[in-house]
PDB file of N, CA and C in Angstrom:
ATOM      1  N   MET A   1      74.975  88.892  77.218  1.00  0.00           N
ATOM      2  CA  MET A   1      74.241  87.660  77.153  1.00  0.00           C
ATOM      3  C   MET A   1      73.184  87.835  75.610  1.00  0.00           C
ATOM      4  N   LYS A   2      73.255  86.571  74.877  1.00  0.00           N
ATOM      5  CA  LYS A   2      72.265  87.034  73.660  1.00  0.00           C
ATOM      6  C   LYS A   2      70.576  86.423  74.101  1.00  0.00           C
ATOM      7  N   CYS A   3      70.193  87.266  73.229  1.00  0.00           N
ATOM      8  CA  CYS A   3      68.937  86.980  73.360  1.00  0.00           C
ATOM      9  C   CYS A   3      68.078  87.365  72.100  1.00  0.00           C
ATOM     10  N   PHE A   4      67.075  86.666  71.603  1.00  0.00           N
ATOM     11  CA  PHE A   4      66.632  86.698  70.314  1.00  0.00           C
ATOM     12  C   PHE A   4      65.059  87.056  70.508  1.00  0.00           C
ATOM     13  N   PHE A   5      64.325  87.458  69.504  1.00  0.00           N
ATOM     14  CA  PHE A   5      62.986  87.730  69.447  1.00  0.00           C
ATOM     15  C   PHE A   5      62.353  87.483  68.159  1.00  0.00           C
ATOM     16  N   TYR A   6      61.397  86.945  68.095  1.00  0.00           N
ATOM     17  CA  TYR A   6      60.721  86.877  66.768  1.00  0.00           C
ATOM     18  C   TYR A   6      59.073  87.193  66.597  1.00  0.00           C
ATOM     19  N   SER A   7      58.669  86.997  65.849  1.00  0.00           N
ATOM     20  CA  SER A   7      57.239  87.236  65.774  1.00  0.00           C
ATOM     21  C   SER A   7      56.751  86.540  64.289  1.00  0.00           C
ATOM     22  N   HIS A   8      55.388  86.092  64.408  1.00  0.00           N
ATOM     23  CA  HIS A   8      54.666  85.547  63.613  1.00  0.00           C
ATOM     24  C   HIS A   8      53.192  86.199  63.192  1.00  0.00           C
ATOM     25  N   HIS A   9      53.290  86.502  61.826  1.00  0.00           N
ATOM     26  CA  HIS A   9      51.505  87.695  61.843  1.00  0.00           C
ATOM     27  C   HIS A   9      50.756  86.677  61.032  1.00  0.00           C
ATOM     28  N   PHE A  10      49.572  86.360  61.464  1.00  0.00           N
ATOM     29  CA  PHE A  10      49.020  85.567  60.246  1.00  0.00           C
ATOM     30  C   PHE A  10      48.276  86.293  59.073  1.00  0.00           C
ATOM     31  N   GLU A  11      48.230  87.369  59.392  1.00  0.00           N
ATOM     32  CA  GLU A  11      47.574  88.339  58.053  1.00  0.00           C
ATOM     33  C   GLU A  11      48.700  88.717  57.015  1.00  0.00           C
ATOM     34  N   SER A  12      47.853  89.845  55.870  1.00  0.00           N
ATOM     35  CA  SER A  12      48.843  90.419  55.423  1.00  0.00           C
ATOM     36  C   SER A  12      49.697  91.141  56.074  1.00  0.00           C
ATOM     37  N   PRO A  13      51.106  91.330  55.407  1.00  0.00           N
ATOM     38  CA  PRO A  13      51.970  92.487  56.395  1.00  0.00           C
ATOM     39  C   PRO A  13      51.478  93.579  57.262  1.00  0.00           C
ATOM     40  N   HIS A  14      50.610  94.553  56.395  1.00  0.00           N
ATOM     41  CA  HIS A  14      50.500  95.854  56.777  1.00  0.00           C
ATOM     42  C   HIS A  14      49.007  95.619  57.432  1.00  0.00           C
ATOM     43  N   GLN A  15      47.965  94.711  57.296  1.00  0.00           N
ATOM     44  CA  GLN A  15      46.878  94.370  57.590  1.00  0.00           C
ATOM     45  C   GLN A  15      47.002  94.099  59.437  1.00  0.00           C
ATOM     46  N   ARG A  16      46.075  94.940  60.148  1.00  0.00           N
ATOM     47  CA  ARG A  16      46.045  94.516  61.647  1.00  0.00           C
ATOM     48  C   ARG A  16      45.406  92.985  61.718  1.00  0.00           C
ATOM     49  N   GLY A  17      46.241  92.135  62.504  1.00  0.00           N
ATOM     50  CA  GLY A  17      45.426  90.853  62.524  1.00  0.00           C
ATOM     51  C   GLY A  17      46.101  90.140  63.753  1.00  0.00           C
ATOM     52  N   PRO A  18      45.938  89.220  64.069  1.00  0.00           N
ATOM     53  CA  PRO A  18      46.053  87.906  65.243  1.00  0.00           C
ATOM     54  C   PRO A  18      47.946  87.837  65.018  1.00  0.00           C
ATOM     55  N   GLY A  19      48.850  87.554  65.965  1.00  0.00           N
ATOM     56  CA  GLY A  19      49.929  87.550  65.444  1.00  0.00           C
ATOM     57  C   GLY A  19      50.655  86.678  66.991  1.00  0.00           C
ATOM     58  N   VAL A  20      52.086  86.039  67.012  1.00  0.00           N
ATOM     59  CA  VAL A  20      52.193  85.573  68.257  1.00  0.00           C
ATOM     60  C   VAL A  20      53.773  86.499  68.281  1.00  0.00           C
ATOM     61  N   VAL A  21      53.921  86.630  69.740  1.00  0.00           N
ATOM     62  CA  VAL A  21      55.534  87.262  69.803  1.00  0.00           C
ATOM     63  C   VAL A  21      56.223  86.094  70.613  1.00  0.00           C
ATOM     64  N   SER A  22      57.465  86.326  70.279  1.00  0.00           N
ATOM     65  CA  SER A  22      57.922  85.424  71.142  1.00  0.00           C
ATOM     66  C   SER A  22      59.439  85.755  71.839  1.00  0.00           C
ATOM     67  N   PHE A  23      60.316  85.616  72.792  1.00  0.00           N
ATOM     68  CA  PHE A  23      61.726  85.955  72.708  1.00  0.00           C
ATOM     69  C   PHE A  23      62.312  84.655  73.413  1.00  0.00           C
ATOM     70  N   VAL A  24      63.747  84.432  73.386  1.00  0.00           N
ATOM     71  CA  VAL A  24      64.416  83.490  73.798  1.00  0.00           C
ATOM     72  C   VAL A  24      65.671  83.979  74.472  1.00  0.00           C
ATOM     73  N   ILE A  25      66.025  83.352  75.939  1.00  0.00           N
ATOM     74  CA  ILE A  25      67.042  83.911  75.884  1.00  0.00           C
ATOM     75  C   ILE A  25      68.021  82.503  76.480  1.00  0.00           C
ATOM     76  N   PRO A  26      68.771  81.856  75.469  1.00  0.00           N
ATOM     77  CA  PRO A  26      69.037  80.461  75.327  1.00  0.00           C
ATOM     78  C   PRO A  26      70.002  80.403  76.776  1.00  0.00           C
ATOM     79  N   GLU A  27      70.893  81.486  77.107  1.00  0.00           N
ATOM     80  CA  GLU A  27      72.024  81.211  78.515  1.00  0.00           C
ATOM     81  C   GLU A  27      70.996  80.908  79.515  1.00  0.00           C
ATOM     82  N   LEU A  28      69.856  81.566  79.741  1.00  0.00           N
ATOM     83  CA  LEU A  28      69.059  81.192  80.932  1.00  0.00           C
ATOM     84  C   LEU A  28      67.863  80.054  80.710  1.00  0.00           C
ATOM     85  N   SER A  29      67.704  79.967  79.610  1.00  0.00           N
ATOM     86  CA  SER A  29      66.691  78.712  78.902  1.00  0.00           C
ATOM     87  C   SER A  29      65.274  79.392  79.517  1.00  0.00           C
ATOM     88  N   ILE A  30      65.340  80.547  78.864  1.00  0.00           N
ATOM     89  CA  ILE A  30      63.780  81.225  79.160  1.00  0.00           C
ATOM     90  C   ILE A  30      63.343  81.347  77.597  1.00  0.00           C
ATOM     91  N   THR A  31      62.087  81.002  77.540  1.00  0.00           N
ATOM     92  CA  THR A  31      61.326  81.208  76.095  1.00  0.00           C
ATOM     93  C   THR A  31      59.764  81.519  76.657  1.00  0.00           C
ATOM     94  N   PHE A  32      59.649  82.963  75.946  1.00  0.00           N
ATOM     95  CA  PHE A  32      58.355  83.370  76.192  1.00  0.00           C
ATOM     96  C   PHE A  32      57.802  82.950  74.816  1.00  0.00           C
ATOM     97  N   ARG A  33      56.141  83.168  74.886  1.00  0.00           N
ATOM     98  CA  ARG A  33      55.469  83.583  73.625  1.00  0.00           C
ATOM     99  C   ARG A  33      53.990  83.919  74.197  1.00  0.00           C
ATOM    100  N   ALA A  34      53.272  84.869  73.647  1.00  0.00           N
ATOM    101  CA  ALA A  34      52.190  85.593  73.555  1.00  0.00           C
ATOM    102  C   ALA A  34      51.439  85.726  72.612  1.00  0.00           C
ATOM    103  N   ARG A  35      49.995  85.501  72.586  1.00  0.00           N
ATOM    104  CA  ARG A  35      49.480  86.399  71.318  1.00  0.00           C
ATOM    105  C   ARG A  35      49.237  87.730  71.511  1.00  0.00           C
ATOM    106  N   TYR A  36      49.049  88.525  69.940  1.00  0.00           N
ATOM    107  CA  TYR A  36      49.238  89.916  70.206  1.00  0.00           C
ATOM    108  C   TYR A  36      48.693  90.102  68.646  1.00  0.00           C
ATOM    109  N   MET A  37      47.651  91.305  68.850  1.00  0.00           N
ATOM    110  CA  MET A  37      47.098  91.968  67.401  1.00  0.00           C
ATOM    111  C   MET A  37      47.672  93.019  67.236  1.00  0.00           C
ATOM    112  N   GLY A  38      47.764  92.966  65.690  1.00  0.00           N
ATOM    113  CA  GLY A  38      48.557  94.068  65.292  1.00  0.00           C
ATOM    114  C   GLY A  38      49.154  94.013  63.974  1.00  0.00           C
ATOM    115  N   THR A  39      49.901  94.623  63.105  1.00  0.00           N
ATOM    116  CA  THR A  39      50.311  94.411  61.793  1.00  0.00           C
ATOM    117  C   THR A  39      51.853  93.725  62.290  1.00  0.00           C
ATOM    118  N   GLU A  40      52.041  93.324  61.299  1.00  0.00           N
ATOM    119  CA  GLU A  40      53.457  92.623  61.281  1.00  0.00           C
ATOM    120  C   GLU A  40      54.801  93.442  61.574  1.00  0.00           C
ATOM    121  N   LEU A  41      54.898  94.441  61.785  1.00  0.00           N
ATOM    122  CA  LEU A  41      55.957  94.991  62.408  1.00  0.00           C
ATOM    123  C   LEU A  41      55.355  95.653  64.054  1.00  0.00           C
ATOM    124  N   GLU A  42      54.033  95.673  64.069  1.00  0.00           N
ATOM    125  CA  GLU A  42      53.942  96.072  65.526  1.00  0.00           C
ATOM    126  C   GLU A  42      53.687  94.815  66.207  1.00  0.00           C
ATOM    127  N   CYS A  43      53.556  93.928  66.077  1.00  0.00           N
ATOM    128  CA  CYS A  43      54.131  92.386  66.234  1.00  0.00           C
ATOM    129  C   CYS A  43      55.462  92.372  66.844  1.00  0.00           C
ATOM    130  N   TYR A  44      56.470  92.718  65.802  1.00  0.00           N
ATOM    131  CA  TYR A  44      57.896  92.429  66.154  1.00  0.00           C
ATOM    132  C   TYR A  44      58.212  93.509  67.088  1.00  0.00           C
ATOM    133  N   TYR A  45      57.686  94.699  67.224  1.00  0.00           N
ATOM    134  CA  TYR A  45      57.972  95.532  68.214  1.00  0.00           C
ATOM    135  C   TYR A  45      57.450  95.325  69.472  1.00  0.00           C
ATOM    136  N   ALA A  46      56.314  94.480  69.587  1.00  0.00           N
ATOM    137  CA  ALA A  46      55.883  93.870  70.683  1.00  0.00           C
ATOM    138  C   ALA A  46      56.802  92.952  71.343  1.00  0.00           C
ATOM    139  N   ALA A  47      57.263  92.350  70.367  1.00  0.00           N
ATOM    140  CA  ALA A  47      57.932  91.231  71.001  1.00  0.00           C
ATOM    141  C   ALA A  47      59.121  91.775  71.324  1.00  0.00           C
ATOM    142  N   LEU A  48      59.704  92.628  70.918  1.00  0.00           N
ATOM    143  CA  LEU A  48      61.265  93.291  71.185  1.00  0.00           C
ATOM    144  C   LEU A  48      61.080  93.901  72.862  1.00  0.00           C
ATOM    145  N   LEU A  49      59.632  94.635  72.987  1.00  0.00           N
ATOM    146  CA  LEU A  49      59.353  95.135  73.994  1.00  0.00           C
ATOM    147  C   LEU A  49      58.883  94.495  74.983  1.00  0.00           C
ATOM    148  N   ALA A  50      58.269  93.209  74.769  1.00  0.00           N
ATOM    149  CA  ALA A  50      58.239  92.290  76.178  1.00  0.00           C
ATOM    150  C   ALA A  50      59.562  91.652  76.323  1.00  0.00           C
ATOM    151  N   LEU A  51      60.582  91.550  75.562  1.00  0.00           N
ATOM    152  CA  LEU A  51      61.970  91.328  75.906  1.00  0.00           C
ATOM    153  C   LEU A  51      62.560  91.872  76.639  1.00  0.00           C
ATOM    154  N   LEU A  52      62.900  93.329  76.378  1.00  0.00           N
ATOM    155  CA  LEU A  52      63.279  94.485  77.187  1.00  0.00           C
ATOM    156  C   LEU A  52      62.603  94.611  78.625  1.00  0.00           C
ATOM    157  N   GLU A  53      61.381  94.808  78.360  1.00  0.00           N
ATOM    158  CA  GLU A  53      60.202  94.536  79.915  1.00  0.00           C
ATOM    159  C   GLU A  53      60.836  93.594  80.925  1.00  0.00           C
ATOM    160  N   PHE A  54      60.822  92.340  80.336  1.00  0.00           N
ATOM    161  CA  PHE A  54      61.436  90.918  80.912  1.00  0.00           C
ATOM    162  C   PHE A  54      62.789  91.478  81.768  1.00  0.00           C
ATOM    163  N   ALA A  55      63.641  91.822  80.847  1.00  0.00           N
ATOM    164  CA  ALA A  55      65.191  92.321  81.372  1.00  0.00           C
ATOM    165  C   ALA A  55      65.344  93.677  82.435  1.00  0.00           C
ATOM    166  N   ASP A  56      64.281  94.543  82.393  1.00  0.00           N
ATOM    167  CA  ASP A  56      63.945  95.507  83.146  1.00  0.00           C
ATOM    168  C   ASP A  56      63.224  94.901  84.724  1.00  0.00           C
ATOM    169  N   LEU A  57      62.537  93.916  84.370  1.00  0.00           N
ATOM    170  CA  LEU A  57      61.833  93.674  85.910  1.00  0.00           C
ATOM    171  C   LEU A  57      62.925  92.774  86.259  1.00  0.00           C
ATOM    172  N   ASN A  58      64.021  92.075  85.701  1.00  0.00           N
ATOM    173  CA  ASN A  58      64.597  90.989  86.252  1.00  0.00           C
ATOM    174  C   ASN A  58      65.933  91.381  86.452  1.00  0.00           C
ATOM    175  N   PRO A  59      66.586  92.422  87.096  1.00  0.00           N
ATOM    176  CA  PRO A  59      67.688  92.874  86.739  1.00  0.00           C
ATOM    177  C   PRO A  59      68.838  91.828  87.224  1.00  0.00           C
ATOM    178  N   GLN A  60      68.281  91.153  88.606  1.00  0.00           N
ATOM    179  CA  GLN A  60      69.339  90.297  88.633  1.00  0.00           C
ATOM    180  C   GLN A  60      69.621  89.423  88.016  1.00  0.00           C
ATOM    181  N   LEU A  61      68.843  88.753  86.915  1.00  0.00           N
ATOM    182  CA  LEU A  61      69.423  87.908  85.765  1.00  0.00           C
ATOM    183  C   LEU A  61      70.093  88.361  84.928  1.00  0.00           C
ATOM    184  N   PHE A  62      70.547  89.906  85.083  1.00  0.00           N
ATOM    185  CA  PHE A  62      71.070  90.340  83.577  1.00  0.00           C
ATOM    186  C   PHE A  62      72.393  91.386  84.560  1.00  0.00           C
ATOM    187  N   LYS A  63      72.443  91.156  85.680  1.00  0.00           N
ATOM    188  CA  LYS A  63      73.616  92.081  86.449  1.00  0.00           C
ATOM    189  C   LYS A  63      74.931  92.295  85.656  1.00  0.00           C
ATOM    190  N   GLU A  64      75.408  93.393  85.324  1.00  0.00           N
ATOM    191  CA  GLU A  64      76.523  93.445  84.867  1.00  0.00           C
ATOM    192  C   GLU A  64      76.738  93.087  83.145  1.00  0.00           C
ATOM    193  N   LYS A  65      75.500  92.551  82.864  1.00  0.00           N
ATOM    194  CA  LYS A  65      75.478  91.975  81.159  1.00  0.00           C
ATOM    195  C   LYS A  65      74.871  93.085  80.445  1.00  0.00           C
ATOM    196  N   ILE A  66      75.668  92.952  79.388  1.00  0.00           N
ATOM    197  CA  ILE A  66      74.965  93.813  77.889  1.00  0.00           C
ATOM    198  C   ILE A  66      74.539  92.579  77.330  1.00  0.00           C
ATOM    199  N   LEU A  67      72.864  93.106  77.024  1.00  0.00           N
ATOM    200  CA  LEU A  67      72.169  92.448  76.019  1.00  0.00           C
ATOM    201  C   LEU A  67      72.647  92.696  74.582  1.00  0.00           C
ATOM    202  N   GLN A  68      72.597  91.471  74.107  1.00  0.00           N
ATOM    203  CA  GLN A  68      72.922  91.269  72.718  1.00  0.00           C
ATOM    204  C   GLN A  68      71.666  91.003  71.804  1.00  0.00           C
ATOM    205  N   VAL A  69      70.967  91.683  71.549  1.00  0.00           N
ATOM    206  CA  VAL A  69      69.352  91.401  71.010  1.00  0.00           C
ATOM    207  C   VAL A  69      69.617  91.408  69.531  1.00  0.00           C
ATOM    208  N   PHE A  70      69.069  90.400  69.214  1.00  0.00           N
ATOM    209  CA  PHE A  70      69.070  89.983  67.621  1.00  0.00           C
ATOM    210  C   PHE A  70      67.446  89.610  67.446  1.00  0.00           C
ATOM    211  N   SER A  71      67.080  90.022  65.785  1.00  0.00           N
ATOM    212  CA  SER A  71      66.011  89.475  65.074  1.00  0.00           C
ATOM    213  C   SER A  71      66.233  89.373  64.094  1.00  0.00           C
ATOM    214  N   ASP A  72      65.310  88.818  63.243  1.00  0.00           N
ATOM    215  CA  ASP A  72      65.433  88.242  62.089  1.00  0.00           C
ATOM    216  C   ASP A  72      64.476  89.361  60.774  1.00  0.00           C
ATOM    217  N   ASN A  73      63.982  90.505  61.497  1.00  0.00           N
ATOM    218  CA  ASN A  73      63.295  91.548  61.056  1.00  0.00           C
ATOM    219  C   ASN A  73      64.316  92.638  60.578  1.00  0.00           C
ATOM    220  N   SER A  74      64.504  92.635  59.391  1.00  0.00           N
ATOM    221  CA  SER A  74      65.633  93.738  59.093  1.00  0.00           C
ATOM    222  C   SER A  74      65.210  94.964  59.008  1.00  0.00           C
ATOM    223  N   THR A  75      63.591  95.554  58.961  1.00  0.00           N
ATOM    224  CA  THR A  75      63.298  96.529  58.770  1.00  0.00           C
ATOM    225  C   THR A  75      63.117  97.345  60.064  1.00  0.00           C
ATOM    226  N   LEU A  76      62.704  96.326  60.898  1.00  0.00           N
ATOM    227  CA  LEU A  76      62.788  96.975  62.492  1.00  0.00           C
ATOM    228  C   LEU A  76      64.106  97.209  62.969  1.00  0.00           C
ATOM    229  N   VAL A  77      65.258  96.187  62.623  1.00  0.00           N
ATOM    230  CA  VAL A  77      66.899  96.810  63.083  1.00  0.00           C
ATOM    231  C   VAL A  77      67.108  98.020  62.462  1.00  0.00           C
ATOM    232  N   SER A  78      66.689  98.319  61.240  1.00  0.00           N
ATOM    233  CA  SER A  78      67.020  99.530  60.492  1.00  0.00           C
ATOM    234  C   SER A  78      66.702 100.633  61.028  1.00  0.00           C
ATOM    235  N   GLN A  79      65.259 100.631  61.732  1.00  0.00           N
ATOM    236  CA  GLN A  79      64.458 101.488  62.048  1.00  0.00           C
ATOM    237  C   GLN A  79      65.307 101.733  63.652  1.00  0.00           C
ATOM    238  N   MET A  80      65.777 100.887  64.394  1.00  0.00           N
ATOM    239  CA  MET A  80      65.968 101.035  65.545  1.00  0.00           C
ATOM    240  C   MET A  80      67.272 101.836  65.352  1.00  0.00           C
ATOM    241  N   LYS A  81      67.940 101.424  64.647  1.00  0.00           N
ATOM    242  CA  LYS A  81      69.336 102.335  64.310  1.00  0.00           C
ATOM    243  C   LYS A  81      69.345 103.463  63.730  1.00  0.00           C
ATOM    244  N   GLY A  82      68.247 104.053  63.236  1.00  0.00           N
ATOM    245  CA  GLY A  82      68.253 105.328  62.500  1.00  0.00           C
ATOM    246  C   GLY A  82      67.807 105.216  61.057  1.00  0.00           C
ATOM    247  N   GLN A  83      68.506 104.380  60.478  1.00  0.00           N
ATOM    248  CA  GLN A  83      68.693 103.924  59.034  1.00  0.00           C
ATOM    249  C   GLN A  83      67.533 103.855  58.168  1.00  0.00           C
ATOM    250  N   LEU A  84      66.609 103.796  58.872  1.00  0.00           N
ATOM    251  CA  LEU A  84      65.313 103.881  57.821  1.00  0.00           C
ATOM    252  C   LEU A  84      63.943 104.423  58.946  1.00  0.00           C
ATOM    253  N   LEU A  85      63.402 105.239  57.999  1.00  0.00           N
ATOM    254  CA  LEU A  85      62.166 106.048  58.873  1.00  0.00           C
ATOM    255  C   LEU A  85      60.956 104.859  59.086  1.00  0.00           C
ATOM    256  N   CYS A  86      60.272 105.382  60.651  1.00  0.00           N
ATOM    257  CA  CYS A  86      59.287 104.376  60.412  1.00  0.00           C
ATOM    258  C   CYS A  86      57.959 105.502  60.366  1.00  0.00           C
ATOM    259  N   GLY A  87      56.885 104.712  60.454  1.00  0.00           N
ATOM    260  CA  GLY A  87      55.627 105.347  59.951  1.00  0.00           C
ATOM    261  C   GLY A  87      55.186 106.024  61.237  1.00  0.00           C
ATOM    262  N   LYS A  88      54.450 106.914  61.378  1.00  0.00           N
ATOM    263  CA  LYS A  88      53.911 107.643  62.682  1.00  0.00           C
ATOM    264  C   LYS A  88      53.241 106.418  63.743  1.00  0.00           C
ATOM    265  N   GLU A  89      52.624 105.489  63.213  1.00  0.00           N
ATOM    266  CA  GLU A  89      52.146 104.769  63.738  1.00  0.00           C
ATOM    267  C   GLU A  89      53.027 103.980  64.498  1.00  0.00           C
ATOM    268  N   LEU A  90      54.114 103.653  64.098  1.00  0.00           N
ATOM    269  CA  LEU A  90      55.039 102.729  64.726  1.00  0.00           C
ATOM    270  C   LEU A  90      56.160 103.591  65.587  1.00  0.00           C
ATOM    271  N   GLU A  91      55.912 105.078  65.649  1.00  0.00           N
ATOM    272  CA  GLU A  91      56.676 105.856  66.594  1.00  0.00           C
ATOM    273  C   GLU A  91      56.892 105.733  67.770  1.00  0.00           C
ATOM    274  N   PRO A  92      55.635 105.282  68.512  1.00  0.00           N
ATOM    275  CA  PRO A  92      55.591 105.279  69.966  1.00  0.00           C
ATOM    276  C   PRO A  92      56.534 104.218  70.163  1.00  0.00           C
ATOM    277  N   LEU A  93      56.072 102.921  69.455  1.00  0.00           N
ATOM    278  CA  LEU A  93      56.823 101.651  69.753  1.00  0.00           C
ATOM    279  C   LEU A  93      58.266 101.822  69.660  1.00  0.00           C
ATOM    280  N   LEU A  94      59.026 102.413  68.483  1.00  0.00           N
ATOM    281  CA  LEU A  94      60.290 102.892  68.442  1.00  0.00           C
ATOM    282  C   LEU A  94      60.668 103.472  69.870  1.00  0.00           C
ATOM    283  N   ASN A  95      60.138 104.456  69.814  1.00  0.00           N
ATOM    284  CA  ASN A  95      60.568 105.178  71.442  1.00  0.00           C
ATOM    285  C   ASN A  95      60.368 104.648  72.572  1.00  0.00           C
ATOM    286  N   MET A  96      59.563 103.510  72.789  1.00  0.00           N
ATOM    287  CA  MET A  96      59.606 103.296  73.707  1.00  0.00           C
ATOM    288  C   MET A  96      61.282 102.042  73.829  1.00  0.00           C
ATOM    289  N   ALA A  97      61.207 101.435  72.615  1.00  0.00           N
ATOM    290  CA  ALA A  97      62.316 100.353  72.791  1.00  0.00           C
ATOM    291  C   ALA A  97      63.320 101.181  72.691  1.00  0.00           C
ATOM    292  N   LEU A  98      63.878 102.323  72.611  1.00  0.00           N
ATOM    293  CA  LEU A  98      65.094 103.329  72.416  1.00  0.00           C
ATOM    294  C   LEU A  98      65.023 103.730  73.687  1.00  0.00           C
ATOM    295  N   ALA A  99      63.991 104.163  74.152  1.00  0.00           N
ATOM    296  CA  ALA A  99      64.112 104.634  75.691  1.00  0.00           C
ATOM    297  C   ALA A  99      64.154 103.507  76.571  1.00  0.00           C
ATOM    298  N   TYR A 100      64.263 102.019  76.533  1.00  0.00           N
ATOM    299  CA  TYR A 100      64.536 100.944  77.212  1.00  0.00           C
ATOM    300  C   TYR A 100      66.252 101.158  77.282  1.00  0.00           C
ATOM    301  N   LYS A 101      66.969 101.499  76.381  1.00  0.00           N
ATOM    302  CA  LYS A 101      68.568 101.568  76.411  1.00  0.00           C
ATOM    303  C   LYS A 101      68.828 102.289  77.775  1.00  0.00           C
ATOM    304  N   LYS A 102      68.227 103.307  78.165  1.00  0.00           N
ATOM    305  CA  LYS A 102      68.640 104.184  79.160  1.00  0.00           C
ATOM    306  C   LYS A 102      68.448 103.164  80.491  1.00  0.00           C
ATOM    307  N   LYS A 103      67.790 101.900  80.768  1.00  0.00           N
ATOM    308  CA  LYS A 103      67.577 101.327  81.627  1.00  0.00           C
ATOM    309  C   LYS A 103      68.315  99.986  81.752  1.00  0.00           C
ATOM    310  N   VAL A 104      68.458  99.345  80.424  1.00  0.00           N
ATOM    311  CA  VAL A 104      68.698  98.174  79.896  1.00  0.00           C
ATOM    312  C   VAL A 104      69.821  98.505  78.914  1.00  0.00           C
ATOM    313  N   PRO A 105      71.254  98.232  79.056  1.00  0.00           N
ATOM    314  CA  PRO A 105      72.121  98.131  77.960  1.00  0.00           C
ATOM    315  C   PRO A 105      71.680  97.328  77.013  1.00  0.00           C
ATOM    316  N   TYR A 106      71.559  97.357  75.857  1.00  0.00           N
ATOM    317  CA  TYR A 106      71.525  96.371  74.870  1.00  0.00           C
ATOM    318  C   TYR A 106      72.001  96.929  73.329  1.00  0.00           C
ATOM    319  N   SER A 107      72.700  96.042  72.704  1.00  0.00           N
ATOM    320  CA  SER A 107      72.747  96.196  71.309  1.00  0.00           C
ATOM    321  C   SER A 107      71.663  95.810  70.245  1.00  0.00           C
ATOM    322  N   LEU A 108      71.742  95.790  69.363  1.00  0.00           N
ATOM    323  CA  LEU A 108      70.431  95.222  68.525  1.00  0.00           C
ATOM    324  C   LEU A 108      71.141  94.877  67.304  1.00  0.00           C
ATOM    325  N   ALA A 109      71.074  93.591  66.605  1.00  0.00           N
ATOM    326  CA  ALA A 109      71.453  93.372  65.654  1.00  0.00           C
ATOM    327  C   ALA A 109      70.470  92.324  64.601  1.00  0.00           C
ATOM    328  N   TRP A 110      70.916  92.270  63.211  1.00  0.00           N
ATOM    329  CA  TRP A 110      69.896  91.090  62.711  1.00  0.00           C
ATOM    330  C   TRP A 110      70.581  89.995  62.321  1.00  0.00           C
ATOM    331  N   VAL A 111      69.667  88.734  62.500  1.00  0.00           N
ATOM    332  CA  VAL A 111      70.033  87.345  62.723  1.00  0.00           C
ATOM    333  C   VAL A 111      69.206  86.703  61.396  1.00  0.00           C
ATOM    334  N   SER A 112      69.674  85.888  60.813  1.00  0.00           N
ATOM    335  CA  SER A 112      69.056  84.908  59.672  1.00  0.00           C
ATOM    336  C   SER A 112      67.909  84.267  60.537  1.00  0.00           C
ATOM    337  N   PRO A 113      67.090  84.153  59.958  1.00  0.00           N
ATOM    338  CA  PRO A 113      65.731  83.243  60.586  1.00  0.00           C
ATOM    339  C   PRO A 113      65.718  81.926  60.843  1.00  0.00           C
ATOM    340  N   HIS A 114      66.739  81.210  60.006  1.00  0.00           N
ATOM    341  CA  HIS A 114      67.107  80.042  60.495  1.00  0.00           C
ATOM    342  C   HIS A 114      68.412  79.764  61.580  1.00  0.00           C
ATOM    343  N   ASP A 115      68.644  81.125  61.758  1.00  0.00           N
ATOM    344  CA  ASP A 115      69.639  81.083  63.120  1.00  0.00           C
ATOM    345  C   ASP A 115      68.801  82.031  64.417  1.00  0.00           C
ATOM    346  N   ASN A 116      67.618  82.087  64.217  1.00  0.00           N
ATOM    347  CA  ASN A 116      66.923  82.641  65.123  1.00  0.00           C
ATOM    348  C   ASN A 116      65.903  81.299  66.159  1.00  0.00           C
ATOM    349  N   PRO A 117      66.486  81.005  67.346  1.00  0.00           N
ATOM    350  CA  PRO A 117      66.129  79.928  68.212  1.00  0.00           C
ATOM    351  C   PRO A 117      64.500  80.431  68.679  1.00  0.00           C
ATOM    352  N   ALA A 118      64.075  81.981  68.558  1.00  0.00           N
ATOM    353  CA  ALA A 118      62.679  82.082  68.624  1.00  0.00           C
ATOM    354  C   ALA A 118      61.762  82.170  68.073  1.00  0.00           C
ATOM    355  N   MET A 119      62.336  81.802  66.503  1.00  0.00           N
ATOM    356  CA  MET A 119      61.381  81.393  65.742  1.00  0.00           C
ATOM    357  C   MET A 119      60.923  79.472  66.001  1.00  0.00           C
ATOM    358  N   ASP A 120      59.924  79.324  66.632  1.00  0.00           N
ATOM    359  CA  ASP A 120      59.432  78.195  66.463  1.00  0.00           C
ATOM    360  C   ASP A 120      58.740  77.712  65.691  1.00  0.00           C
ATOM    361  N   PRO A 121      58.791  76.404  64.627  1.00  0.00           N
ATOM    362  CA  PRO A 121      58.327  75.991  63.613  1.00  0.00           C
ATOM    363  C   PRO A 121      56.825  75.985  63.791  1.00  0.00           C
ATOM    364  N   SER A 122      56.448  75.727  65.300  1.00  0.00           N
ATOM    365  CA  SER A 122      55.187  75.491  65.647  1.00  0.00           C
ATOM    366  C   SER A 122      54.186  76.875  65.597  1.00  0.00           C
ATOM    367  N   LEU A 123      55.000  77.751  65.690  1.00  0.00           N
ATOM    368  CA  LEU A 123      54.249  79.194  65.622  1.00  0.00           C
ATOM    369  C   LEU A 123      53.733  79.204  64.073  1.00  0.00           C
ATOM    370  N   LEU A 124      54.110  78.462  62.941  1.00  0.00           N
ATOM    371  CA  LEU A 124      53.566  78.836  61.849  1.00  0.00           C
ATOM    372  C   LEU A 124      52.245  78.079  61.494  1.00  0.00           C
ATOM    373  N   GLU A 125      51.964  77.253  62.284  1.00  0.00           N
ATOM    374  CA  GLU A 125      50.820  76.318  61.950  1.00  0.00           C
ATOM    375  C   GLU A 125      49.638  76.832  62.020  1.00  0.00           C
TER     376      GLU A 125
END
């Protein structure tokens, strides 16, 4: 089942500030959006963790399915695949996302921002 997550951060990428996290599961017609305070990458990790927590808390929706999770943030995807190191401040978030693999089987891949339905243009206003 394909799932997409996205985050929009309103400050410079490395500065903590307000953002919006979002995930979409098109097959189930589910859209989630929430505010979040953090750096750009912290917001992206928060969006991924919200998606994985939702899947974990709603096993009946995902029974016998492997989640195909997509993000337009290549840094996060590379960190999750072990291709890029993350800083100590992001390690707890990375470890939580990796720990979910034991509960919720998922794969993670990059998708173009234009092909990411979790990126709602209204988030950019």
